[in-house]
């Protein structure tokens, strides 16, 4: 036994000596020459831009199409409330209502925060500012559909090991979003030698002036969201955004361009998700997986107003031929159940595969059309100088119609048709009538940006939608006011979840979030 102890001691000393002698080579030998030891801010930012637009994880399909897009009656499906067409029938499904919560934290915000940290470490202020602005947009979407969400404590799993973040009140989140935008826009340094994301930035290629305009545009959007809750604060921040300079020219639109070939991430997410999950190539309007079509509410409005966007947006089918003749356009009644469609499914209008349902179509993140409509409302509230509400309203329509040309020749609307439409649709009437006209046109212009359309409808009440009351709905025939939290939060983050529910109200589809004041 003593000899064994001595042997072990000698072996240990030998190992220690061996480690000492090769210590200088240890790191080199055990380092993968093909692996990066530092977070790559550019790659993480690029990934966040692409994943933030929902591709390949059903988030756009669930969150924007089946839920928000059906709530605002852009779309309609024939499935009942217990099936996947829950948005049209006000049903509930954790996969759909929890998808954005689950995806945006884990797949997008986490990497975006790592990108910010890496850029800060390198002292790259322009990268930090751009990423902060984009992070505000993502958190704005999150809080607008759920209300109170993890914010200050979010994304602290590493290195803090905080896997049960507290939920912040939406009022405090909104204050911080405005603070972030104010600081980020002011921090940009356009002087030569200050690095940007460059080609890794799929929106602006690192153009500082354009990123500032996007920051102020998001600021205006966030400010206007406060009109029912704190009008004075809304006015202060709206005027700050307008003075800073929002997007008003098409060249400054925040647009991601997709090649439409190769990897899935090269495809426009709206087209990819909607074609793969409902409007499959070759279905010719009859074999749609979700039996999805445009809503009767939406198509009737476009037809009644002789809107030149109708043939650009919608087609019906005769055999295998897509026809965009406005006279044939017909929307699927809202709330209609399985087997109750009175006419053959191909005779109902669906999205046009020659325009925005193309894999190589651009993704419009923020445009001059949205800004013009928000500026029209601000002018109506006497918060602006110069152009009138009527001027901005006209611009909003014109900008949206012209932006359809971004989707190719099939999306081009002639200037004659644009002028005829705006001449026939002036902004007149009482203040309330003008507000309705502004936000009804905004509803049309926000097709594809369904989350924003849903938020703006809840804030303004326009357009005036007639709810459905389909069998099996869980709201008593009332259009939902929010999404229900991801149910894994109930078990995995129970205390913080319960605190949020106690503060905000019951975790159901009818509880209004903070800014959605009656």
Protein backbone atom coordinates (compact mmCIF):
# COMPACT_ATOMS: atom_id res chain seq x y z
CA UNK A 1 0.00 0.00 0.00
CA UNK A 2 2.73 2.52 0.84
CA UNK A 3 4.39 1.76 -2.49
CA UNK A 4 1.08 2.42 -4.28
CA UNK A 5 0.74 5.80 -2.57
CA UNK A 6 4.28 6.68 -3.58
CA UNK A 7 3.55 5.64 -7.17
CA UNK A 8 0.45 7.78 -7.28
CA UNK A 9 2.41 10.68 -5.88
CA UNK A 10 5.14 10.32 -8.48
CA UNK A 11 2.52 10.02 -11.24
CA UNK A 12 0.84 13.17 -10.04
CA UNK A 13 4.12 15.06 -9.93
CA UNK A 14 4.94 13.79 -13.40
CA UNK A 15 1.61 14.98 -14.74
CA UNK A 16 2.06 18.35 -13.10
CA UNK A 17 5.53 18.64 -14.55
CA UNK A 18 4.26 17.59 -17.96
CA UNK A 19 1.48 20.17 -17.85
CA UNK A 20 3.94 22.84 -16.79
CA UNK A 21 6.31 22.05 -19.62
CA UNK A 22 3.62 22.13 -22.32
CA UNK A 23 1.42 24.90 -20.91
CA UNK A 24 2.70 27.38 -23.45
CA UNK A 25 1.48 25.11 -26.29
CA UNK A 26 -1.80 23.98 -24.72
CA UNK A 27 -4.00 26.85 -25.98
CA UNK A 28 -2.61 26.62 -29.50
CA UNK A 29 -3.07 22.84 -29.68
CA UNK A 30 -6.66 22.97 -28.39
CA UNK A 31 -7.90 25.89 -30.48
CA UNK A 32 -10.01 25.20 -33.57
CA UNK A 33 -8.42 27.32 -36.31
CA UNK A 34 -11.76 27.43 -38.14
CA UNK A 35 -13.81 28.67 -35.17
CA UNK A 36 -14.27 32.25 -34.01
CA UNK A 37 -13.59 33.04 -30.38
CA UNK A 38 -15.43 36.37 -30.56
CA UNK A 39 -19.07 37.05 -31.41
CA UNK A 40 -19.36 38.36 -34.97
CA UNK A 41 -21.57 41.43 -34.73
CA UNK A 42 -22.20 41.57 -38.47
CA UNK A 43 -23.27 37.94 -38.88
CA UNK A 44 -25.51 38.09 -35.81
CA UNK A 45 -27.15 41.27 -37.06
CA UNK A 46 -27.80 39.78 -40.51
CA UNK A 47 -29.30 36.68 -38.96
CA UNK A 48 -31.53 38.78 -36.71
CA UNK A 49 -32.80 40.81 -39.67
CA UNK A 50 -33.78 37.67 -41.54
CA UNK A 51 -35.22 35.70 -38.62
CA UNK A 52 -37.03 38.77 -37.35
CA UNK A 53 -39.21 38.63 -40.46
CA UNK A 54 -40.45 35.17 -39.45
CA UNK A 55 -39.23 32.90 -42.26
CA UNK A 56 -39.12 29.09 -41.92
CA UNK A 57 -40.62 28.81 -38.44
CA UNK A 58 -44.33 29.39 -39.19
CA UNK A 59 -44.31 32.61 -37.18
CA UNK A 60 -45.56 34.82 -40.01
CA UNK A 61 -48.17 32.25 -40.97
CA UNK A 62 -49.48 31.81 -37.43
CA UNK A 63 -49.05 35.33 -36.03
CA UNK A 64 -49.68 37.57 -39.02
CA UNK A 65 -51.80 35.57 -41.43
CA UNK A 66 -54.05 33.22 -39.44
CA UNK A 67 -54.44 35.47 -36.40
CA UNK A 68 -53.83 39.21 -36.93
CA UNK A 69 -54.73 39.13 -40.64
CA UNK A 70 -57.97 37.32 -39.91
CA UNK A 71 -58.79 39.55 -36.92
CA UNK A 72 -58.62 42.67 -39.11
CA UNK A 73 -60.53 40.87 -41.89
CA UNK A 74 -57.92 41.05 -44.58
CA UNK A 75 -58.31 37.27 -44.79
CA UNK A 76 -60.87 34.59 -44.05
CA UNK A 77 -60.79 30.79 -43.73
CA UNK A 78 -63.51 28.14 -43.59
CA UNK A 79 -61.99 26.03 -40.80
CA UNK A 80 -63.82 26.01 -37.48
CA UNK A 81 -62.69 27.50 -34.18
CA UNK A 82 -61.05 24.28 -32.99
CA UNK A 83 -58.91 23.99 -36.13
CA UNK A 84 -56.07 26.10 -37.46
CA UNK A 85 -58.31 28.85 -38.82
CA UNK A 86 -58.70 30.18 -35.27
CA UNK A 87 -58.28 33.84 -36.20
CA UNK A 88 -61.38 34.00 -38.34
CA UNK A 89 -63.47 32.24 -35.68
CA UNK A 90 -61.84 33.67 -32.51
CA UNK A 91 -60.60 30.31 -31.29
CA UNK A 92 -57.47 29.64 -29.27
CA UNK A 93 -54.41 27.50 -29.98
CA UNK A 94 -51.16 27.79 -28.01
CA UNK A 95 -49.03 27.03 -31.10
CA UNK A 96 -50.41 30.06 -32.88
CA UNK A 97 -50.85 32.56 -30.07
CA UNK A 98 -47.52 31.69 -28.46
CA UNK A 99 -45.43 31.42 -31.63
CA UNK A 100 -44.14 35.00 -31.71
CA UNK A 101 -43.30 35.02 -28.00
CA UNK A 102 -41.33 31.81 -28.35
CA UNK A 103 -39.51 32.61 -31.59
CA UNK A 104 -38.60 36.26 -31.19
CA UNK A 105 -36.84 35.86 -27.85
CA UNK A 106 -34.88 32.70 -28.61
CA UNK A 107 -34.09 33.04 -32.30
CA UNK A 108 -33.88 36.79 -32.83
CA UNK A 109 -33.53 39.04 -29.77
CA UNK A 110 -30.91 36.81 -28.20
CA UNK A 111 -28.61 37.03 -31.22
CA UNK A 112 -29.36 40.71 -31.73
CA UNK A 113 -28.31 41.46 -28.16
CA UNK A 114 -25.08 39.51 -28.69
CA UNK A 115 -24.48 41.61 -31.80
CA UNK A 116 -24.95 44.81 -29.79
CA UNK A 117 -22.58 43.60 -27.08
CA UNK A 118 -19.91 42.69 -29.64
CA UNK A 119 -20.28 46.06 -31.39
CA UNK A 120 -20.04 47.89 -28.06
CA UNK A 121 -16.88 45.99 -27.19
CA UNK A 122 -15.36 47.05 -30.51
CA UNK A 123 -16.49 50.66 -30.02
CA UNK A 124 -18.60 50.62 -33.21
CA UNK A 125 -21.27 53.16 -32.28
CA UNK A 126 -23.08 53.11 -35.64
CA UNK A 127 -23.57 49.36 -35.42
CA UNK A 128 -24.82 49.66 -31.86
CA UNK A 129 -27.30 52.38 -32.80
CA UNK A 130 -28.73 50.51 -35.80
CA UNK A 131 -29.13 47.30 -33.79
CA UNK A 132 -30.78 49.17 -30.90
CA UNK A 133 -33.32 50.70 -33.29
CA UNK A 134 -34.13 47.31 -34.77
CA UNK A 135 -34.42 45.81 -31.27
CA UNK A 136 -36.99 48.47 -30.39
CA UNK A 137 -39.07 47.42 -33.38
CA UNK A 138 -39.05 43.79 -32.26
CA UNK A 139 -39.98 44.60 -28.66
CA UNK A 140 -42.68 46.97 -29.91
CA UNK A 141 -44.25 44.09 -31.84
CA UNK A 142 -44.00 41.80 -28.81
CA UNK A 143 -45.59 44.14 -26.31
CA UNK A 144 -48.27 45.22 -28.79
CA UNK A 145 -49.68 41.71 -29.12
CA UNK A 146 -49.20 40.45 -25.54
CA UNK A 147 -49.08 43.56 -23.34
CA UNK A 148 -46.71 43.11 -20.38
CA UNK A 149 -43.70 41.01 -21.41
CA UNK A 150 -40.19 40.31 -20.11
CA UNK A 151 -38.07 43.34 -21.02
CA UNK A 152 -35.44 44.54 -18.53
CA UNK A 153 -34.72 40.99 -17.31
CA UNK A 154 -35.11 39.36 -20.72
CA UNK A 155 -32.14 37.76 -22.49
CA UNK A 156 -30.14 37.27 -19.28
CA UNK A 157 -29.87 33.50 -19.44
CA UNK A 158 -26.19 33.92 -20.23
CA UNK A 159 -24.11 34.89 -18.38
CA UNK A 160 -26.45 35.91 -15.53
CA UNK A 161 -28.28 32.54 -15.50
CA UNK A 162 -31.63 34.29 -15.15
CA UNK A 163 -34.09 31.98 -16.85
CA UNK A 164 -37.21 33.31 -15.13
CA UNK A 165 -37.39 36.99 -16.13
CA UNK A 166 -39.92 39.36 -14.64
CA UNK A 167 -42.61 40.83 -16.88
CA UNK A 168 -42.49 44.62 -17.22
CA UNK A 169 -45.62 46.81 -17.36
CA UNK A 170 -46.28 47.92 -20.91
CA UNK A 171 -46.29 51.57 -19.84
CA UNK A 172 -42.69 51.21 -18.64
CA UNK A 173 -41.69 49.27 -21.76
CA UNK A 174 -43.05 52.06 -23.95
CA UNK A 175 -41.16 54.70 -21.98
CA UNK A 176 -37.97 52.73 -22.48
CA UNK A 177 -38.60 52.14 -26.19
CA UNK A 178 -38.85 55.90 -26.71
CA UNK A 179 -35.72 56.46 -24.62
CA UNK A 180 -33.83 53.85 -26.68
CA UNK A 181 -34.87 55.47 -29.95
CA UNK A 182 -33.92 58.93 -28.69
CA UNK A 183 -30.47 57.78 -27.59
CA UNK A 184 -29.76 55.56 -30.59
CA UNK A 185 -30.67 58.15 -33.21
CA UNK A 186 -28.56 60.78 -31.43
CA UNK A 187 -25.54 58.49 -31.08
CA UNK A 188 -24.92 57.87 -34.79
CA UNK A 189 -21.62 59.26 -36.01
CA UNK A 190 -21.51 59.68 -39.81
CA UNK A 191 -17.87 60.77 -39.88
CA UNK A 192 -15.54 58.71 -42.05
CA UNK A 193 -13.84 55.85 -40.27
CA UNK A 194 -16.80 54.92 -38.04
CA UNK A 195 -17.72 51.36 -39.06
CA UNK A 196 -21.26 50.35 -40.00
CA UNK A 197 -22.73 46.93 -40.74
CA UNK A 198 -22.20 47.62 -44.45
CA UNK A 199 -23.29 44.70 -46.65
CA UNK A 200 -24.41 42.79 -43.54
CA UNK A 201 -27.18 45.38 -43.24
CA UNK A 202 -29.89 44.15 -45.63
CA UNK A 203 -31.96 47.30 -45.11
CA UNK A 204 -29.68 50.27 -45.71
CA UNK A 205 -26.14 48.92 -46.25
CA UNK A 206 -25.03 50.93 -43.25
CA UNK A 207 -26.41 54.30 -44.41
CA UNK A 208 -26.51 56.32 -41.20
CA UNK A 209 -28.96 58.96 -42.44
CA UNK A 210 -31.47 56.31 -43.48
CA UNK A 211 -31.15 54.46 -40.18
CA UNK A 212 -31.88 57.71 -38.35
CA UNK A 213 -35.04 58.15 -40.44
CA UNK A 214 -36.11 54.62 -39.58
CA UNK A 215 -35.47 55.34 -35.90
CA UNK A 216 -37.60 58.49 -35.99
CA UNK A 217 -40.30 56.66 -37.98
CA UNK A 218 -40.56 53.97 -35.31
CA UNK A 219 -40.63 56.76 -32.74
CA UNK A 220 -43.64 58.32 -34.49
CA UNK A 221 -45.39 54.94 -34.60
CA UNK A 222 -44.77 54.35 -30.89
CA UNK A 223 -45.78 57.91 -30.01
CA UNK A 224 -49.10 57.65 -31.85
CA UNK A 225 -49.84 54.44 -29.98
CA UNK A 226 -50.15 56.56 -26.82
CA UNK A 227 -52.99 58.80 -28.03
CA UNK A 228 -55.71 57.15 -25.94
CA UNK A 229 -53.53 56.73 -22.88
CA UNK A 230 -51.46 59.94 -22.66
CA UNK A 231 -52.18 62.45 -25.41
CA UNK A 232 -49.70 65.02 -24.11
CA UNK A 233 -46.85 62.52 -24.14
CA UNK A 234 -47.94 61.28 -27.56
CA UNK A 235 -47.77 64.83 -28.90
CA UNK A 236 -44.33 65.52 -27.40
CA UNK A 237 -42.76 62.40 -28.89
CA UNK A 238 -44.58 62.68 -32.20
CA UNK A 239 -43.26 66.20 -32.67
CA UNK A 240 -39.76 65.07 -31.72
CA UNK A 241 -39.94 62.31 -34.32
CA UNK A 242 -41.24 64.64 -37.01
CA UNK A 243 -38.54 67.21 -36.25
CA UNK A 244 -35.90 64.47 -36.42
CA UNK A 245 -37.07 63.41 -39.85
CA UNK A 246 -39.24 60.38 -40.67
CA UNK A 247 -39.38 58.36 -43.89
CA UNK A 248 -41.20 60.37 -46.56
CA UNK A 249 -39.38 59.44 -49.78
CA UNK A 250 -39.48 56.00 -51.38
CA UNK A 251 -35.69 55.82 -51.47
CA UNK A 252 -35.69 55.71 -47.65
CA UNK A 253 -38.22 52.87 -47.32
CA UNK A 254 -36.92 50.06 -45.11
CA UNK A 255 -36.95 47.16 -47.55
CA UNK A 256 -35.26 43.75 -47.50
CA UNK A 257 -34.68 42.37 -50.99
CA UNK A 258 -34.70 38.62 -51.56
CA UNK A 259 -33.12 36.72 -54.49
CA UNK A 260 -35.80 34.02 -54.28
CA UNK A 261 -33.51 31.05 -54.87
CA UNK A 262 -31.15 28.80 -52.97
CA UNK A 263 -31.67 28.54 -49.20
CA UNK A 264 -35.06 29.18 -47.61
CA UNK A 265 -33.71 32.40 -46.07
CA UNK A 266 -33.33 33.76 -49.60
CA UNK A 267 -37.12 33.72 -50.01
CA UNK A 268 -39.51 36.49 -49.09
CA UNK A 269 -41.04 35.27 -45.77
CA UNK A 270 -44.60 36.36 -46.58
CA UNK A 271 -44.56 34.48 -49.88
CA UNK A 272 -42.75 31.45 -48.48
CA UNK A 273 -44.98 31.01 -45.45
CA UNK A 274 -48.29 31.63 -47.22
CA UNK A 275 -47.49 29.50 -50.27
CA UNK A 276 -46.04 26.61 -48.28
CA UNK A 277 -48.87 26.58 -45.75
CA UNK A 278 -51.95 27.55 -47.75
CA UNK A 279 -51.64 28.83 -51.33
CA UNK A 280 -49.48 26.01 -52.68
CA UNK A 281 -48.25 26.24 -56.24
CA UNK A 282 -50.55 24.28 -58.52
CA UNK A 283 -53.53 24.41 -56.15
CA UNK A 284 -55.23 26.82 -58.57
CA UNK A 285 -57.42 28.27 -55.86
CA UNK A 286 -59.16 25.03 -54.90
CA UNK A 287 -56.81 22.96 -52.73
CA UNK A 288 -55.76 25.63 -50.25
CA UNK A 289 -54.58 23.86 -47.11
CA UNK A 290 -56.33 26.27 -44.75
CA UNK A 291 -59.16 27.05 -47.17
CA UNK A 292 -57.88 30.63 -46.94
CA UNK A 293 -58.99 33.52 -49.13
CA UNK A 294 -59.31 37.27 -48.94
CA UNK A 295 -62.11 38.43 -46.67
CA UNK A 296 -65.40 39.64 -48.09
CA UNK A 297 -64.96 42.78 -45.97
CA UNK A 298 -61.69 43.61 -47.68
CA UNK A 299 -62.65 42.76 -51.26
CA UNK A 300 -66.02 44.52 -51.00
CA UNK A 301 -64.31 47.69 -49.83
CA UNK A 302 -61.82 47.65 -52.70
CA UNK A 303 -64.55 46.96 -55.25
CA UNK A 304 -66.94 49.58 -53.91
CA UNK A 305 -64.19 52.22 -54.04
CA UNK A 306 -63.00 51.15 -57.51
CA UNK A 307 -59.54 50.76 -56.04
CA UNK A 308 -56.80 50.23 -58.68
CA UNK A 309 -54.88 48.08 -56.17
CA UNK A 310 -57.47 45.31 -56.42
CA UNK A 311 -56.09 43.65 -59.59
CA UNK A 312 -52.58 44.00 -58.20
CA UNK A 313 -53.48 42.32 -54.91
CA UNK A 314 -55.99 39.66 -55.90
CA UNK A 315 -56.81 36.94 -58.40
CA UNK A 316 -59.50 34.31 -58.90
CA UNK A 317 -59.02 31.07 -60.83
CA UNK A 318 -60.64 29.55 -63.89
CA UNK A 319 -59.08 26.14 -64.19
CA UNK A 320 -55.34 26.72 -63.91
CA UNK A 321 -55.55 30.34 -65.05
CA UNK A 322 -55.24 33.18 -62.56
CA UNK A 323 -57.48 36.13 -63.46
CA UNK A 324 -57.07 39.56 -61.86
CA UNK A 325 -60.19 41.06 -63.46
CA UNK A 326 -61.74 43.25 -60.72
CA UNK A 327 -65.23 42.34 -61.92
CA UNK A 328 -64.59 38.71 -60.87
CA UNK A 329 -63.16 39.57 -57.46
CA UNK A 330 -65.11 38.09 -54.56
CA UNK A 331 -64.20 37.78 -50.89
CA UNK A 332 -64.91 34.82 -48.62
CA UNK A 333 -67.54 35.70 -46.00
CA UNK A 334 -66.13 36.10 -42.51
CA UNK A 335 -67.06 33.44 -39.99
CA UNK A 336 -68.20 30.93 -42.59
CA UNK A 337 -67.82 27.31 -41.51
CA UNK A 338 -66.58 24.12 -43.16
CA UNK A 339 -68.79 22.99 -46.02
CA UNK A 340 -70.79 26.23 -46.00
CA UNK A 341 -69.05 28.00 -48.90
CA UNK A 342 -71.85 28.73 -51.41
CA UNK A 343 -69.66 28.90 -54.55
CA UNK A 344 -66.65 26.92 -55.77
CA UNK A 345 -63.54 27.92 -53.81
CA UNK A 346 -61.50 28.99 -56.89
CA UNK A 347 -64.07 31.73 -57.58
CA UNK A 348 -63.04 33.54 -54.37
CA UNK A 349 -60.16 36.00 -54.43
CA UNK A 350 -56.76 35.11 -53.04
CA UNK A 351 -53.30 36.78 -53.04
CA UNK A 352 -51.69 37.41 -56.41
CA UNK A 353 -48.66 35.18 -57.02
CA UNK A 354 -47.44 37.64 -59.65
CA UNK A 355 -46.87 40.36 -57.05
CA UNK A 356 -46.31 39.91 -53.31
CA UNK A 357 -46.60 36.11 -53.26
CA UNK A 358 -43.32 35.77 -55.14
CA UNK A 359 -40.28 34.24 -53.48
CA UNK A 360 -38.16 37.10 -54.85
CA UNK A 361 -40.57 39.80 -53.70
CA UNK A 362 -39.16 42.49 -51.38
CA UNK A 363 -40.21 42.66 -47.73
CA UNK A 364 -41.44 46.13 -46.74
CA UNK A 365 -40.54 46.69 -43.10
CA UNK A 366 -41.44 50.40 -42.89
CA UNK A 367 -42.56 52.71 -45.69
CA UNK A 368 -43.35 56.31 -46.59
CA UNK A 369 -47.00 55.28 -46.89
CA UNK A 370 -47.31 54.40 -43.20
CA UNK A 371 -45.56 57.60 -42.21
CA UNK A 372 -47.84 59.73 -44.42
CA UNK A 373 -50.96 58.32 -42.77
CA UNK A 374 -49.55 58.87 -39.27
CA UNK A 375 -48.53 62.39 -40.28
CA UNK A 376 -52.08 62.94 -41.57
CA UNK A 377 -53.45 62.04 -38.14
CA UNK A 378 -50.84 64.22 -36.43
CA UNK A 379 -51.80 67.14 -38.68
CA UNK A 380 -55.46 66.55 -37.91
CA UNK A 381 -54.55 66.88 -34.24
CA UNK A 382 -52.69 70.15 -35.03
CA UNK A 383 -49.33 68.63 -34.09
CA UNK A 384 -47.56 69.58 -37.34
CA UNK A 385 -46.67 72.67 -39.30
CA UNK A 386 -46.79 73.06 -43.06
CA UNK A 387 -48.60 70.29 -44.96
CA UNK A 388 -52.24 69.66 -44.09
CA UNK A 389 -53.88 66.41 -43.06
CA UNK A 390 -55.43 66.25 -46.54
CA UNK A 391 -51.97 66.60 -48.14
CA UNK A 392 -50.52 63.77 -46.06
CA UNK A 393 -53.61 61.61 -46.60
CA UNK A 394 -53.24 61.95 -50.37
CA UNK A 395 -49.55 61.15 -50.07
CA UNK A 396 -50.31 58.04 -48.04
CA UNK A 397 -52.50 56.63 -50.79
CA UNK A 398 -50.12 57.66 -53.57
CA UNK A 399 -47.09 56.26 -51.80
CA UNK A 400 -48.75 52.92 -51.18
CA UNK A 401 -49.95 52.58 -54.76
CA UNK A 402 -46.52 53.45 -56.12
CA UNK A 403 -44.79 51.06 -53.73
CA UNK A 404 -46.62 48.18 -55.38
CA UNK A 405 -44.26 48.66 -58.33
CA UNK A 406 -41.55 47.22 -56.06
CA UNK A 407 -43.22 43.85 -56.70
CA UNK A 408 -42.53 44.02 -60.43
CA UNK A 409 -44.38 44.95 -63.59
CA UNK A 410 -47.57 43.23 -62.41
CA UNK A 411 -47.63 45.59 -59.43
CA UNK A 412 -47.33 48.82 -61.37
CA UNK A 413 -50.33 51.17 -61.10
CA UNK A 414 -50.52 53.97 -63.64
CA UNK A 415 -50.24 57.57 -62.51
CA UNK A 416 -53.58 58.23 -64.22
CA UNK A 417 -55.30 55.60 -62.05
CA UNK A 418 -53.57 56.92 -58.95
CA UNK A 419 -54.65 60.50 -59.68
CA UNK A 420 -58.23 59.46 -60.49
CA UNK A 421 -58.48 57.59 -57.19
CA UNK A 422 -57.05 60.33 -54.98
CA UNK A 423 -59.26 62.92 -56.71
CA UNK A 424 -62.31 60.80 -55.95
CA UNK A 425 -61.19 60.27 -52.33
CA UNK A 426 -60.35 63.63 -50.73
CA UNK A 427 -60.02 64.00 -46.97
CA UNK A 428 -63.17 65.88 -45.99
CA UNK A 429 -65.82 65.82 -43.28
CA UNK A 430 -65.79 66.14 -39.52
CA UNK A 431 -62.67 65.38 -37.53
CA UNK A 432 -64.01 61.92 -36.73
CA UNK A 433 -64.99 61.27 -40.33
CA UNK A 434 -61.52 62.27 -41.45
CA UNK A 435 -59.96 60.02 -38.82
CA UNK A 436 -62.02 57.12 -40.16
CA UNK A 437 -60.94 57.82 -43.73
CA UNK A 438 -57.27 58.02 -42.75
CA UNK A 439 -57.23 54.74 -40.89
CA UNK A 440 -59.44 52.86 -43.32
CA UNK A 441 -56.96 53.71 -46.07
CA UNK A 442 -54.17 52.78 -43.66
CA UNK A 443 -55.87 49.38 -43.24
CA UNK A 444 -55.67 48.84 -47.00
CA UNK A 445 -52.06 50.00 -47.17
CA UNK A 446 -50.95 47.70 -44.34
CA UNK A 447 -51.76 44.49 -46.20
CA UNK A 448 -48.90 42.04 -45.40
CA UNK A 449 -47.92 43.98 -42.23
CA UNK A 450 -50.74 42.35 -40.31
CA UNK A 451 -49.31 42.83 -36.81
CA UNK A 452 -49.12 46.58 -37.32
CA UNK A 453 -52.57 46.64 -38.92
CA UNK A 454 -54.03 44.78 -35.93
CA UNK A 455 -52.40 47.21 -33.49
CA UNK A 456 -53.57 50.27 -35.39
CA UNK A 457 -57.13 48.91 -35.61
CA UNK A 458 -57.21 48.35 -31.85
CA UNK A 459 -55.96 51.89 -31.21
CA UNK A 460 -58.29 53.71 -33.59
CA UNK A 461 -61.28 51.41 -34.09
CA UNK A 462 -61.02 51.86 -37.88
CA UNK A 463 -62.14 50.46 -40.14
CA UNK A 464 -65.39 49.58 -38.43
CA UNK A 465 -65.45 45.78 -38.57
CA UNK A 466 -68.44 43.51 -37.96
CA UNK A 467 -67.36 40.64 -35.68
CA UNK A 468 -68.28 37.02 -36.32
CA UNK A 469 -69.87 34.70 -33.78
CA UNK A 470 -68.94 31.28 -35.09
CA UNK A 471 -69.64 28.07 -33.14
CA UNK A 472 -66.83 27.22 -30.74
CA UNK A 473 -65.41 30.75 -30.48
CA UNK A 474 -63.97 31.69 -27.08
CA UNK A 475 -64.75 35.41 -27.03
CA UNK A 476 -68.54 35.47 -27.29
CA UNK A 477 -68.33 36.93 -30.77
CA UNK A 478 -65.91 39.77 -29.94
CA UNK A 479 -62.77 40.43 -31.98
CA UNK A 480 -59.76 39.57 -29.76
CA UNK A 481 -57.80 42.44 -28.21
CA UNK A 482 -54.51 40.59 -27.53
CA UNK A 483 -52.74 37.23 -27.81
CA UNK A 484 -52.56 34.77 -24.94
CA UNK A 485 -49.11 34.10 -23.45
CA UNK A 486 -47.14 31.02 -24.40
CA UNK A 487 -48.42 28.34 -22.03
CA UNK A 488 -44.96 27.05 -21.13
CA UNK A 489 -44.57 30.34 -19.24
CA UNK A 490 -47.35 29.23 -16.89
CA UNK A 491 -45.23 26.34 -15.64
CA UNK A 492 -41.66 27.50 -16.29
CA UNK A 493 -41.97 31.12 -15.13
CA UNK A 494 -45.04 30.82 -12.96
CA UNK A 495 -44.45 33.53 -10.34
CA UNK A 496 -43.62 36.22 -12.88
CA UNK A 497 -46.42 35.12 -15.17
CA UNK A 498 -48.91 35.34 -12.29
CA UNK A 499 -47.64 38.80 -11.33
CA UNK A 500 -48.18 40.01 -14.91
CA UNK A 501 -51.70 38.58 -15.03
CA UNK A 502 -52.56 40.11 -11.64
CA UNK A 503 -51.42 43.51 -12.90
CA UNK A 504 -52.71 43.42 -16.47
CA UNK A 505 -55.81 41.27 -16.21
CA UNK A 506 -56.88 37.76 -17.05
CA UNK A 507 -54.74 35.96 -19.62
CA UNK A 508 -57.34 35.69 -22.33
CA UNK A 509 -58.12 37.14 -25.76
CA UNK A 510 -60.33 39.97 -24.46
CA UNK A 511 -58.12 41.62 -21.83
CA UNK A 512 -57.02 44.98 -23.22
CA UNK A 513 -53.35 45.89 -23.09
CA UNK A 514 -52.26 49.16 -21.47
CA UNK A 515 -52.46 51.53 -24.47
CA UNK A 516 -55.70 49.95 -25.74
CA UNK A 517 -57.83 52.08 -23.45
CA UNK A 518 -61.60 52.15 -24.08
